[in-house]
Amino acid sequence: EENLKLVFRRNDDYFETDSVGNKLPYLEAVSITFLPD
């Protein structure tokens, strides 16, 4: 919702892993707000 909020969710099929083989990313979501200052 432009100028209000942007949401991303985890890509369960992402190809990269960490150094011990755990799937990345660790987070489930990213939430971005747009306060102007």
PDB file of all heavy atoms in Angstrom:
ATOM      1  N   GLU A   1       0.884  -1.158   0.000  1.00  0.00           N
ATOM      2  CA  GLU A   1       0.000   0.000   0.000  1.00  0.00           C
ATOM      3  C   GLU A   1       0.924   1.211   0.000  1.00  0.00           C
ATOM      4  O   GLU A   1       1.475   1.580   1.043  1.00  0.00           O
ATOM      5  CB  GLU A   1      -0.925  -0.026   1.215  1.00  0.00           C
ATOM      6  CG  GLU A   1      -1.820  -1.267   1.207  1.00  0.00           C
ATOM      7  CD  GLU A   1      -2.845  -1.253   2.335  1.00  0.00           C
ATOM      8  OE1 GLU A   1      -3.382  -0.156   2.622  1.00  0.00           O
ATOM      9  OE2 GLU A   1      -3.094  -2.317   2.906  1.00  0.00           O
ATOM     10  N   GLU A   2       1.106   1.784  -1.172  1.00  0.00           N
ATOM     11  CA  GLU A   2       2.157   2.781  -1.374  1.00  0.00           C
ATOM     12  C   GLU A   2       2.050   3.937  -0.388  1.00  0.00           C
ATOM     13  O   GLU A   2       0.972   4.446  -0.117  1.00  0.00           O
ATOM     14  CB  GLU A   2       2.137   3.279  -2.820  1.00  0.00           C
ATOM     15  CG  GLU A   2       2.507   2.177  -3.814  1.00  0.00           C
ATOM     16  CD  GLU A   2       2.860   2.705  -5.185  1.00  0.00           C
ATOM     17  OE1 GLU A   2       3.468   3.777  -5.273  1.00  0.00           O
ATOM     18  OE2 GLU A   2       2.532   2.019  -6.176  1.00  0.00           O
ATOM     19  N   ASN A   3       3.219   4.297   0.151  1.00  0.00           N
ATOM     20  CA  ASN A   3       3.375   5.363   1.150  1.00  0.00           C
ATOM     21  C   ASN A   3       2.796   4.994   2.519  1.00  0.00           C
ATOM     22  O   ASN A   3       2.777   5.821   3.423  1.00  0.00           O
ATOM     23  CB  ASN A   3       2.753   6.674   0.676  1.00  0.00           C
ATOM     24  CG  ASN A   3       3.353   7.150  -0.631  1.00  0.00           C
ATOM     25  OD1 ASN A   3       4.540   6.975  -0.863  1.00  0.00           O
ATOM     26  ND2 ASN A   3       2.533   7.743  -1.488  1.00  0.00           N
ATOM     27  N   LEU A   4       2.342   3.743   2.671  1.00  0.00           N
ATOM     28  CA  LEU A   4       1.820   3.298   3.967  1.00  0.00           C
ATOM     29  C   LEU A   4       2.573   2.079   4.486  1.00  0.00           C
ATOM     30  O   LEU A   4       3.206   2.138   5.533  1.00  0.00           O
ATOM     31  CB  LEU A   4       0.318   2.983   3.862  1.00  0.00           C
ATOM     32  CG  LEU A   4      -0.626   4.182   3.727  1.00  0.00           C
ATOM     33  CD1 LEU A   4      -2.059   3.704   3.519  1.00  0.00           C
ATOM     34  CD2 LEU A   4      -0.536   5.079   4.952  1.00  0.00           C
ATOM     35  N   LYS A   5       2.505   0.974   3.745  1.00  0.00           N
ATOM     36  CA  LYS A   5       3.133  -0.244   4.252  1.00  0.00           C
ATOM     37  C   LYS A   5       3.454  -1.200   3.116  1.00  0.00           C
ATOM     38  O   LYS A   5       2.702  -1.296   2.137  1.00  0.00           O
ATOM     39  CB  LYS A   5       2.226  -0.939   5.270  1.00  0.00           C
ATOM     40  CG  LYS A   5       2.935  -2.006   6.099  1.00  0.00           C
ATOM     41  CD  LYS A   5       2.066  -2.438   7.273  1.00  0.00           C
ATOM     42  CE  LYS A   5       2.857  -3.345   8.212  1.00  0.00           C
ATOM     43  NZ  LYS A   5       2.068  -3.723   9.398  1.00  0.00           N
ATOM     44  N   LEU A   6       4.577  -1.904   3.267  1.00  0.00           N
ATOM     45  CA  LEU A   6       5.024  -2.910   2.311  1.00  0.00           C
ATOM     46  C   LEU A   6       5.370  -4.169   3.094  1.00  0.00           C
ATOM     47  O   LEU A   6       6.060  -4.100   4.114  1.00  0.00           O
ATOM     48  CB  LEU A   6       6.247  -2.394   1.546  1.00  0.00           C
ATOM     49  CG  LEU A   6       6.953  -3.339   0.567  1.00  0.00           C
ATOM     50  CD1 LEU A   6       6.017  -3.767  -0.547  1.00  0.00           C
ATOM     51  CD2 LEU A   6       8.195  -2.648  -0.020  1.00  0.00           C
ATOM     52  N   VAL A   7       4.883  -5.318   2.632  1.00  0.00           N
ATOM     53  CA  VAL A   7       5.093  -6.575   3.352  1.00  0.00           C
ATOM     54  C   VAL A   7       5.684  -7.628   2.416  1.00  0.00           C
ATOM     55  O   VAL A   7       5.200  -7.831   1.302  1.00  0.00           O
ATOM     56  CB  VAL A   7       3.769  -7.104   3.944  1.00  0.00           C
ATOM     57  CG1 VAL A   7       3.991  -8.449   4.648  1.00  0.00           C
ATOM     58  CG2 VAL A   7       3.179  -6.099   4.928  1.00  0.00           C
ATOM     59  N   PHE A   8       6.744  -8.287   2.881  1.00  0.00           N
ATOM     60  CA  PHE A   8       7.328  -9.443   2.208  1.00  0.00           C
ATOM     61  C   PHE A   8       7.155 -10.658   3.118  1.00  0.00           C
ATOM     62  O   PHE A   8       7.184 -10.536   4.345  1.00  0.00           O
ATOM     63  CB  PHE A   8       8.822  -9.255   1.940  1.00  0.00           C
ATOM     64  CG  PHE A   8       9.175  -8.057   1.110  1.00  0.00           C
ATOM     65  CD1 PHE A   8      10.391  -7.400   1.319  1.00  0.00           C
ATOM     66  CD2 PHE A   8       8.328  -7.593   0.120  1.00  0.00           C
ATOM     67  CE1 PHE A   8      10.734  -6.289   0.556  1.00  0.00           C
ATOM     68  CE2 PHE A   8       8.667  -6.485  -0.646  1.00  0.00           C
ATOM     69  CZ  PHE A   8       9.870  -5.837  -0.422  1.00  0.00           C
ATOM     70  N   ARG A   9       6.997 -11.836   2.517  1.00  0.00           N
ATOM     71  CA  ARG A   9       6.941 -13.085   3.279  1.00  0.00           C
ATOM     72  C   ARG A   9       8.104 -13.980   2.898  1.00  0.00           C
ATOM     73  O   ARG A   9       8.707 -13.844   1.832  1.00  0.00           O
ATOM     74  CB  ARG A   9       5.613 -13.813   3.004  1.00  0.00           C
ATOM     75  CG  ARG A   9       4.378 -13.134   3.578  1.00  0.00           C
ATOM     76  CD  ARG A   9       4.371 -13.116   5.099  1.00  0.00           C
ATOM     77  NE  ARG A   9       4.443 -14.447   5.667  1.00  0.00           N
ATOM     78  CZ  ARG A   9       3.365 -15.177   5.989  1.00  0.00           C
ATOM     79  NH1 ARG A   9       2.146 -14.698   5.783  1.00  0.00           N
ATOM     80  NH2 ARG A   9       3.500 -16.369   6.513  1.00  0.00           N
ATOM     81  N   ARG A  10       8.406 -14.908   3.769  1.00  0.00           N
ATOM     82  CA  ARG A  10       9.522 -15.834   3.562  1.00  0.00           C
ATOM     83  C   ARG A  10       9.315 -16.664   2.304  1.00  0.00           C
ATOM     84  O   ARG A  10       8.228 -17.153   2.028  1.00  0.00           O
ATOM     85  CB  ARG A  10       9.626 -16.756   4.778  1.00  0.00           C
ATOM     86  CG  ARG A  10      10.805 -17.711   4.759  1.00  0.00           C
ATOM     87  CD  ARG A  10      10.802 -18.555   6.035  1.00  0.00           C
ATOM     88  NE  ARG A  10      12.047 -19.279   6.204  1.00  0.00           N
ATOM     89  CZ  ARG A  10      12.283 -20.504   5.741  1.00  0.00           C
ATOM     90  NH1 ARG A  10      11.321 -21.140   5.078  1.00  0.00           N
ATOM     91  NH2 ARG A  10      13.446 -21.084   5.950  1.00  0.00           N
ATOM     92  N   ASN A  11      10.391 -16.810   1.523  1.00  0.00           N
ATOM     93  CA  ASN A  11      10.395 -17.712   0.373  1.00  0.00           C
ATOM     94  C   ASN A  11      10.843 -19.088   0.855  1.00  0.00           C
ATOM     95  O   ASN A  11      12.031 -19.309   1.104  1.00  0.00           O
ATOM     96  CB  ASN A  11      11.341 -17.177  -0.705  1.00  0.00           C
ATOM     97  CG  ASN A  11      11.499 -18.132  -1.881  1.00  0.00           C
ATOM     98  OD1 ASN A  11      10.731 -19.077  -2.031  1.00  0.00           O
ATOM     99  ND2 ASN A  11      12.505 -17.876  -2.720  1.00  0.00           N
ATOM    100  N   ASP A  12       9.907 -19.998   1.007  1.00  0.00           N
ATOM    101  CA  ASP A  12      10.215 -21.331   1.553  1.00  0.00           C
ATOM    102  C   ASP A  12      11.090 -22.166   0.617  1.00  0.00           C
ATOM    103  O   ASP A  12      11.656 -23.181   1.041  1.00  0.00           O
ATOM    104  CB  ASP A  12       8.916 -22.085   1.843  1.00  0.00           C
ATOM    105  CG  ASP A  12       8.124 -21.459   2.983  1.00  0.00           C
ATOM    106  OD1 ASP A  12       8.755 -20.873   3.891  1.00  0.00           O
ATOM    107  OD2 ASP A  12       6.890 -21.529   2.962  1.00  0.00           O
ATOM    108  N   ASP A  13      11.189 -21.738  -0.632  1.00  0.00           N
ATOM    109  CA  ASP A  13      11.975 -22.496  -1.608  1.00  0.00           C
ATOM    110  C   ASP A  13      13.315 -21.835  -1.918  1.00  0.00           C
ATOM    111  O   ASP A  13      13.946 -22.157  -2.936  1.00  0.00           O
ATOM    112  CB  ASP A  13      11.173 -22.651  -2.913  1.00  0.00           C
ATOM    113  CG  ASP A  13       9.865 -23.403  -2.695  1.00  0.00           C
ATOM    114  OD1 ASP A  13       9.890 -24.420  -1.981  1.00  0.00           O
ATOM    115  OD2 ASP A  13       8.828 -22.964  -3.236  1.00  0.00           O
ATOM    116  N   TYR A  14      13.764 -20.932  -1.035  1.00  0.00           N
ATOM    117  CA  TYR A  14      15.007 -20.217  -1.314  1.00  0.00           C
ATOM    118  C   TYR A  14      16.192 -21.181  -1.342  1.00  0.00           C
ATOM    119  O   TYR A  14      16.268 -22.130  -0.552  1.00  0.00           O
ATOM    120  CB  TYR A  14      15.233 -19.128  -0.269  1.00  0.00           C
ATOM    121  CG  TYR A  14      16.372 -18.205  -0.610  1.00  0.00           C
ATOM    122  CD1 TYR A  14      16.362 -17.473  -1.798  1.00  0.00           C
ATOM    123  CD2 TYR A  14      17.477 -18.078   0.224  1.00  0.00           C
ATOM    124  CE1 TYR A  14      17.420 -16.632  -2.135  1.00  0.00           C
ATOM    125  CE2 TYR A  14      18.530 -17.225  -0.101  1.00  0.00           C
ATOM    126  CZ  TYR A  14      18.503 -16.513  -1.285  1.00  0.00           C
ATOM    127  OH  TYR A  14      19.548 -15.691  -1.618  1.00  0.00           O
ATOM    128  N   PHE A  15      17.145 -20.911  -2.229  1.00  0.00           N
ATOM    129  CA  PHE A  15      18.198 -21.882  -2.528  1.00  0.00           C
ATOM    130  C   PHE A  15      19.423 -21.797  -1.622  1.00  0.00           C
ATOM    131  O   PHE A  15      20.205 -22.743  -1.553  1.00  0.00           O
ATOM    132  CB  PHE A  15      18.650 -21.742  -3.988  1.00  0.00           C
ATOM    133  CG  PHE A  15      19.223 -20.389  -4.344  1.00  0.00           C
ATOM    134  CD1 PHE A  15      20.589 -20.166  -4.323  1.00  0.00           C
ATOM    135  CD2 PHE A  15      18.384 -19.336  -4.707  1.00  0.00           C
ATOM    136  CE1 PHE A  15      21.120 -18.921  -4.658  1.00  0.00           C
ATOM    137  CE2 PHE A  15      18.903 -18.095  -5.057  1.00  0.00           C
ATOM    138  CZ  PHE A  15      20.269 -17.880  -5.025  1.00  0.00           C
ATOM    139  N   GLU A  16      19.660 -20.684  -0.931  1.00  0.00           N
ATOM    140  CA  GLU A  16      20.865 -20.554  -0.118  1.00  0.00           C
ATOM    141  C   GLU A  16      20.648 -21.116   1.286  1.00  0.00           C
ATOM    142  O   GLU A  16      19.546 -21.055   1.836  1.00  0.00           O
ATOM    143  CB  GLU A  16      21.299 -19.093  -0.023  1.00  0.00           C
ATOM    144  CG  GLU A  16      21.906 -18.550  -1.308  1.00  0.00           C
ATOM    145  CD  GLU A  16      22.561 -17.190  -1.108  1.00  0.00           C
ATOM    146  OE1 GLU A  16      21.847 -16.197  -0.905  1.00  0.00           O
ATOM    147  OE2 GLU A  16      23.802 -17.138  -1.152  1.00  0.00           O
ATOM    148  N   THR A  17      21.747 -21.607   1.877  1.00  0.00           N
ATOM    149  CA  THR A  17      21.721 -22.115   3.252  1.00  0.00           C
ATOM    150  C   THR A  17      22.829 -21.432   4.047  1.00  0.00           C
ATOM    151  O   THR A  17      23.737 -20.815   3.477  1.00  0.00           O
ATOM    152  CB  THR A  17      21.932 -23.640   3.290  1.00  0.00           C
ATOM    153  OG1 THR A  17      23.195 -23.954   2.688  1.00  0.00           O
ATOM    154  CG2 THR A  17      20.813 -24.358   2.545  1.00  0.00           C
ATOM    155  N   ASP A  18      22.756 -21.580   5.375  1.00  0.00           N
ATOM    156  CA  ASP A  18      23.825 -21.021   6.194  1.00  0.00           C
ATOM    157  C   ASP A  18      25.009 -21.988   6.247  1.00  0.00           C
ATOM    158  O   ASP A  18      25.008 -23.032   5.577  1.00  0.00           O
ATOM    159  CB  ASP A  18      23.323 -20.636   7.586  1.00  0.00           C
ATOM    160  CG  ASP A  18      22.851 -21.830   8.414  1.00  0.00           C
ATOM    161  OD1 ASP A  18      23.195 -22.983   8.062  1.00  0.00           O
ATOM    162  OD2 ASP A  18      22.147 -21.627   9.416  1.00  0.00           O
ATOM    163  N   SER A  19      26.008 -21.669   7.044  1.00  0.00           N
ATOM    164  CA  SER A  19      27.253 -22.436   7.047  1.00  0.00           C
ATOM    165  C   SER A  19      27.096 -23.865   7.540  1.00  0.00           C
ATOM    166  O   SER A  19      27.964 -24.712   7.285  1.00  0.00           O
ATOM    167  CB  SER A  19      28.306 -21.720   7.906  1.00  0.00           C
ATOM    168  OG  SER A  19      27.832 -21.563   9.235  1.00  0.00           O
ATOM    169  N   VAL A  20      26.006 -24.144   8.245  1.00  0.00           N
ATOM    170  CA  VAL A  20      25.785 -25.516   8.735  1.00  0.00           C
ATOM    171  C   VAL A  20      24.628 -26.198   8.019  1.00  0.00           C
ATOM    172  O   VAL A  20      24.140 -27.243   8.449  1.00  0.00           O
ATOM    173  CB  VAL A  20      25.552 -25.529  10.269  1.00  0.00           C
ATOM    174  CG1 VAL A  20      26.809 -25.098  10.996  1.00  0.00           C
ATOM    175  CG2 VAL A  20      24.364 -24.663  10.667  1.00  0.00           C
ATOM    176  N   GLY A  21      24.174 -25.588   6.922  1.00  0.00           N
ATOM    177  CA  GLY A  21      23.164 -26.239   6.096  1.00  0.00           C
ATOM    178  C   GLY A  21      21.724 -25.879   6.399  1.00  0.00           C
ATOM    179  O   GLY A  21      20.807 -26.421   5.769  1.00  0.00           O
ATOM    180  N   ASN A  22      21.481 -24.965   7.345  1.00  0.00           N
ATOM    181  CA  ASN A  22      20.106 -24.541   7.626  1.00  0.00           C
ATOM    182  C   ASN A  22      19.584 -23.642   6.513  1.00  0.00           C
ATOM    183  O   ASN A  22      20.307 -22.797   5.987  1.00  0.00           O
ATOM    184  CB  ASN A  22      20.039 -23.781   8.953  1.00  0.00           C
ATOM    185  CG  ASN A  22      20.385 -24.651  10.138  1.00  0.00           C
ATOM    186  OD1 ASN A  22      19.953 -25.801  10.222  1.00  0.00           O
ATOM    187  ND2 ASN A  22      21.187 -24.122  11.048  1.00  0.00           N
ATOM    188  N   LYS A  23      18.310 -23.818   6.179  1.00  0.00           N
ATOM    189  CA  LYS A  23      17.714 -23.032   5.107  1.00  0.00           C
ATOM    190  C   LYS A  23      17.590 -21.568   5.519  1.00  0.00           C
ATOM    191  O   LYS A  23      17.294 -21.249   6.670  1.00  0.00           O
ATOM    192  CB  LYS A  23      16.327 -23.585   4.738  1.00  0.00           C
ATOM    193  CG  LYS A  23      16.378 -24.884   3.939  1.00  0.00           C
ATOM    194  CD  LYS A  23      14.983 -25.381   3.577  1.00  0.00           C
ATOM    195  CE  LYS A  23      14.287 -24.459   2.597  1.00  0.00           C
ATOM    196  NZ  LYS A  23      14.940 -24.475   1.252  1.00  0.00           N
ATOM    197  N   LEU A  24      17.844 -20.687   4.563  1.00  0.00           N
ATOM    198  CA  LEU A  24      17.654 -19.257   4.756  1.00  0.00           C
ATOM    199  C   LEU A  24      16.373 -18.837   4.029  1.00  0.00           C
ATOM    200  O   LEU A  24      15.953 -19.505   3.089  1.00  0.00           O
ATOM    201  CB  LEU A  24      18.856 -18.485   4.193  1.00  0.00           C
ATOM    202  CG  LEU A  24      20.213 -18.752   4.854  1.00  0.00           C
ATOM    203  CD1 LEU A  24      21.323 -18.044   4.080  1.00  0.00           C
ATOM    204  CD2 LEU A  24      20.212 -18.298   6.300  1.00  0.00           C
ATOM    205  N   PRO A  25      15.747 -17.752   4.467  1.00  0.00           N
ATOM    206  CA  PRO A  25      16.076 -16.890   5.604  1.00  0.00           C
ATOM    207  C   PRO A  25      15.500 -17.448   6.906  1.00  0.00           C
ATOM    208  O   PRO A  25      14.689 -18.376   6.885  1.00  0.00           O
ATOM    209  CB  PRO A  25      15.388 -15.569   5.227  1.00  0.00           C
ATOM    210  CG  PRO A  25      14.167 -16.012   4.473  1.00  0.00           C
ATOM    211  CD  PRO A  25      14.589 -17.224   3.697  1.00  0.00           C
ATOM    212  N   TYR A  26      15.892 -16.846   8.029  1.00  0.00           N
ATOM    213  CA  TYR A  26      15.375 -17.264   9.329  1.00  0.00           C
ATOM    214  C   TYR A  26      14.043 -16.581   9.646  1.00  0.00           C
ATOM    215  O   TYR A  26      13.202 -17.150  10.347  1.00  0.00           O
ATOM    216  CB  TYR A  26      16.373 -16.929  10.440  1.00  0.00           C
ATOM    217  CG  TYR A  26      17.755 -17.519  10.245  1.00  0.00           C
ATOM    218  CD1 TYR A  26      18.883 -16.711  10.294  1.00  0.00           C
ATOM    219  CD2 TYR A  26      17.944 -18.883  10.025  1.00  0.00           C
ATOM    220  CE1 TYR A  26      20.159 -17.230  10.129  1.00  0.00           C
ATOM    221  CE2 TYR A  26      19.209 -19.416   9.857  1.00  0.00           C
ATOM    222  CZ  TYR A  26      20.322 -18.588   9.914  1.00  0.00           C
ATOM    223  OH  TYR A  26      21.573 -19.117   9.733  1.00  0.00           O
ATOM    224  N   LEU A  27      13.867 -15.367   9.178  1.00  0.00           N
ATOM    225  CA  LEU A  27      12.656 -14.599   9.461  1.00  0.00           C
ATOM    226  C   LEU A  27      11.481 -15.109   8.635  1.00  0.00           C
ATOM    227  O   LEU A  27      11.648 -15.706   7.569  1.00  0.00           O
ATOM    228  CB  LEU A  27      12.882 -13.118   9.134  1.00  0.00           C
ATOM    229  CG  LEU A  27      13.944 -12.373   9.937  1.00  0.00           C
ATOM    230  CD1 LEU A  27      14.286 -11.053   9.241  1.00  0.00           C
ATOM    231  CD2 LEU A  27      13.449 -12.116  11.364  1.00  0.00           C
ATOM    232  N   GLU A  28      10.271 -14.823   9.123  1.00  0.00           N
ATOM    233  CA  GLU A  28       9.056 -15.166   8.385  1.00  0.00           C
ATOM    234  C   GLU A  28       8.558 -14.019   7.519  1.00  0.00           C
ATOM    235  O   GLU A  28       7.885 -14.239   6.515  1.00  0.00           O
ATOM    236  CB  GLU A  28       7.937 -15.578   9.355  1.00  0.00           C
ATOM    237  CG  GLU A  28       8.080 -16.986   9.907  1.00  0.00           C
ATOM    238  CD  GLU A  28       7.902 -18.047   8.826  1.00  0.00           C
ATOM    239  OE1 GLU A  28       7.188 -17.792   7.838  1.00  0.00           O
ATOM    240  OE2 GLU A  28       8.497 -19.134   8.970  1.00  0.00           O
ATOM    241  N   ALA A  29       8.870 -12.785   7.911  1.00  0.00           N
ATOM    242  CA  ALA A  29       8.328 -11.651   7.162  1.00  0.00           C
ATOM    243  C   ALA A  29       9.169 -10.402   7.378  1.00  0.00           C
ATOM    244  O   ALA A  29       9.919 -10.287   8.351  1.00  0.00           O
ATOM    245  CB  ALA A  29       6.875 -11.385   7.580  1.00  0.00           C
ATOM    246  N   VAL A  30       9.008  -9.457   6.452  1.00  0.00           N
ATOM    247  CA  VAL A  30       9.606  -8.125   6.547  1.00  0.00           C
ATOM    248  C   VAL A  30       8.482  -7.115   6.387  1.00  0.00           C
ATOM    249  O   VAL A  30       7.671  -7.221   5.456  1.00  0.00           O
ATOM    250  CB  VAL A  30      10.672  -7.894   5.449  1.00  0.00           C
ATOM    251  CG1 VAL A  30      11.230  -6.480   5.541  1.00  0.00           C
ATOM    252  CG2 VAL A  30      11.779  -8.932   5.558  1.00  0.00           C
ATOM    253  N   SER A  31       8.419  -6.157   7.303  1.00  0.00           N
ATOM    254  CA  SER A  31       7.370  -5.139   7.271  1.00  0.00           C
ATOM    255  C   SER A  31       8.022  -3.756   7.205  1.00  0.00           C
ATOM    256  O   SER A  31       8.824  -3.398   8.063  1.00  0.00           O
ATOM    257  CB  SER A  31       6.488  -5.253   8.519  1.00  0.00           C
ATOM    258  OG  SER A  31       5.524  -4.221   8.553  1.00  0.00           O
ATOM    259  N   ILE A  32       7.669  -2.990   6.174  1.00  0.00           N
ATOM    260  CA  ILE A  32       8.274  -1.680   5.942  1.00  0.00           C
ATOM    261  C   ILE A  32       7.192  -0.607   6.036  1.00  0.00           C
ATOM    262  O   ILE A  32       6.165  -0.698   5.351  1.00  0.00           O
ATOM    263  CB  ILE A  32       8.946  -1.616   4.553  1.00  0.00           C
ATOM    264  CG1 ILE A  32       9.935  -2.779   4.385  1.00  0.00           C
ATOM    265  CG2 ILE A  32       9.652  -0.275   4.352  1.00  0.00           C
ATOM    266  CD1 ILE A  32      10.432  -2.971   2.963  1.00  0.00           C
ATOM    267  N   THR A  33       7.428   0.402   6.871  1.00  0.00           N
ATOM    268  CA  THR A  33       6.523   1.546   6.968  1.00  0.00           C
ATOM    269  C   THR A  33       7.167   2.764   6.303  1.00  0.00           C
ATOM    270  O   THR A  33       8.337   2.728   5.937  1.00  0.00           O
ATOM    271  CB  THR A  33       6.180   1.863   8.430  1.00  0.00           C
ATOM    272  OG1 THR A  33       7.411   1.992   9.177  1.00  0.00           O
ATOM    273  CG2 THR A  33       5.342   0.760   9.052  1.00  0.00           C
ATOM    274  N   PHE A  34       6.399   3.846   6.174  1.00  0.00           N
ATOM    275  CA  PHE A  34       6.865   4.992   5.393  1.00  0.00           C
ATOM    276  C   PHE A  34       6.644   6.314   6.112  1.00  0.00           C
ATOM    277  O   PHE A  34       6.073   7.254   5.555  1.00  0.00           O
ATOM    278  CB  PHE A  34       6.172   4.997   4.025  1.00  0.00           C
ATOM    279  CG  PHE A  34       6.521   3.808   3.179  1.00  0.00           C
ATOM    280  CD1 PHE A  34       5.715   2.678   3.185  1.00  0.00           C
ATOM    281  CD2 PHE A  34       7.659   3.794   2.404  1.00  0.00           C
ATOM    282  CE1 PHE A  34       6.035   1.569   2.422  1.00  0.00           C
ATOM    283  CE2 PHE A  34       7.998   2.691   1.634  1.00  0.00           C
ATOM    284  CZ  PHE A  34       7.183   1.568   1.649  1.00  0.00           C
ATOM    285  N   LEU A  35       7.110   6.404   7.355  1.00  0.00           N
ATOM    286  CA  LEU A  35       7.106   7.697   8.029  1.00  0.00           C
ATOM    287  C   LEU A  35       8.010   8.645   7.258  1.00  0.00           C
ATOM    288  O   LEU A  35       9.130   8.275   6.890  1.00  0.00           O
ATOM    289  CB  LEU A  35       7.609   7.547   9.460  1.00  0.00           C
ATOM    290  CG  LEU A  35       6.639   6.901  10.455  1.00  0.00           C
ATOM    291  CD1 LEU A  35       7.366   6.534  11.731  1.00  0.00           C
ATOM    292  CD2 LEU A  35       5.490   7.841  10.754  1.00  0.00           C
ATOM    293  N   PRO A  36       7.589   9.881   7.026  1.00  0.00           N
ATOM    294  CA  PRO A  36       8.294  10.733   6.073  1.00  0.00           C
ATOM    295  C   PRO A  36       9.553  11.430   6.573  1.00  0.00           C
ATOM    296  O   PRO A  36      10.229  12.083   5.790  1.00  0.00           O
ATOM    297  CB  PRO A  36       7.225  11.759   5.697  1.00  0.00           C
ATOM    298  CG  PRO A  36       6.362  11.852   6.911  1.00  0.00           C
ATOM    299  CD  PRO A  36       6.320  10.470   7.485  1.00  0.00           C
ATOM    300  N   ASP A  37       9.880  11.347   7.858  1.00  0.00           N
ATOM    301  CA  ASP A  37      11.084  12.048   8.312  1.00  0.00           C
ATOM    302  C   ASP A  37      11.832  11.211   9.336  1.00  0.00           C
ATOM    303  O   ASP A  37      11.287  10.318   9.981  1.00  0.00           O
ATOM    304  CB  ASP A  37      10.737  13.423   8.900  1.00  0.00           C
ATOM    305  CG  ASP A  37       9.887  13.305  10.146  1.00  0.00           C
ATOM    306  OD1 ASP A  37      10.465  13.220  11.231  1.00  0.00           O
ATOM    307  OD2 ASP A  37       8.644  13.280  10.027  1.00  0.00           O
TER     308      ASP A  37
END
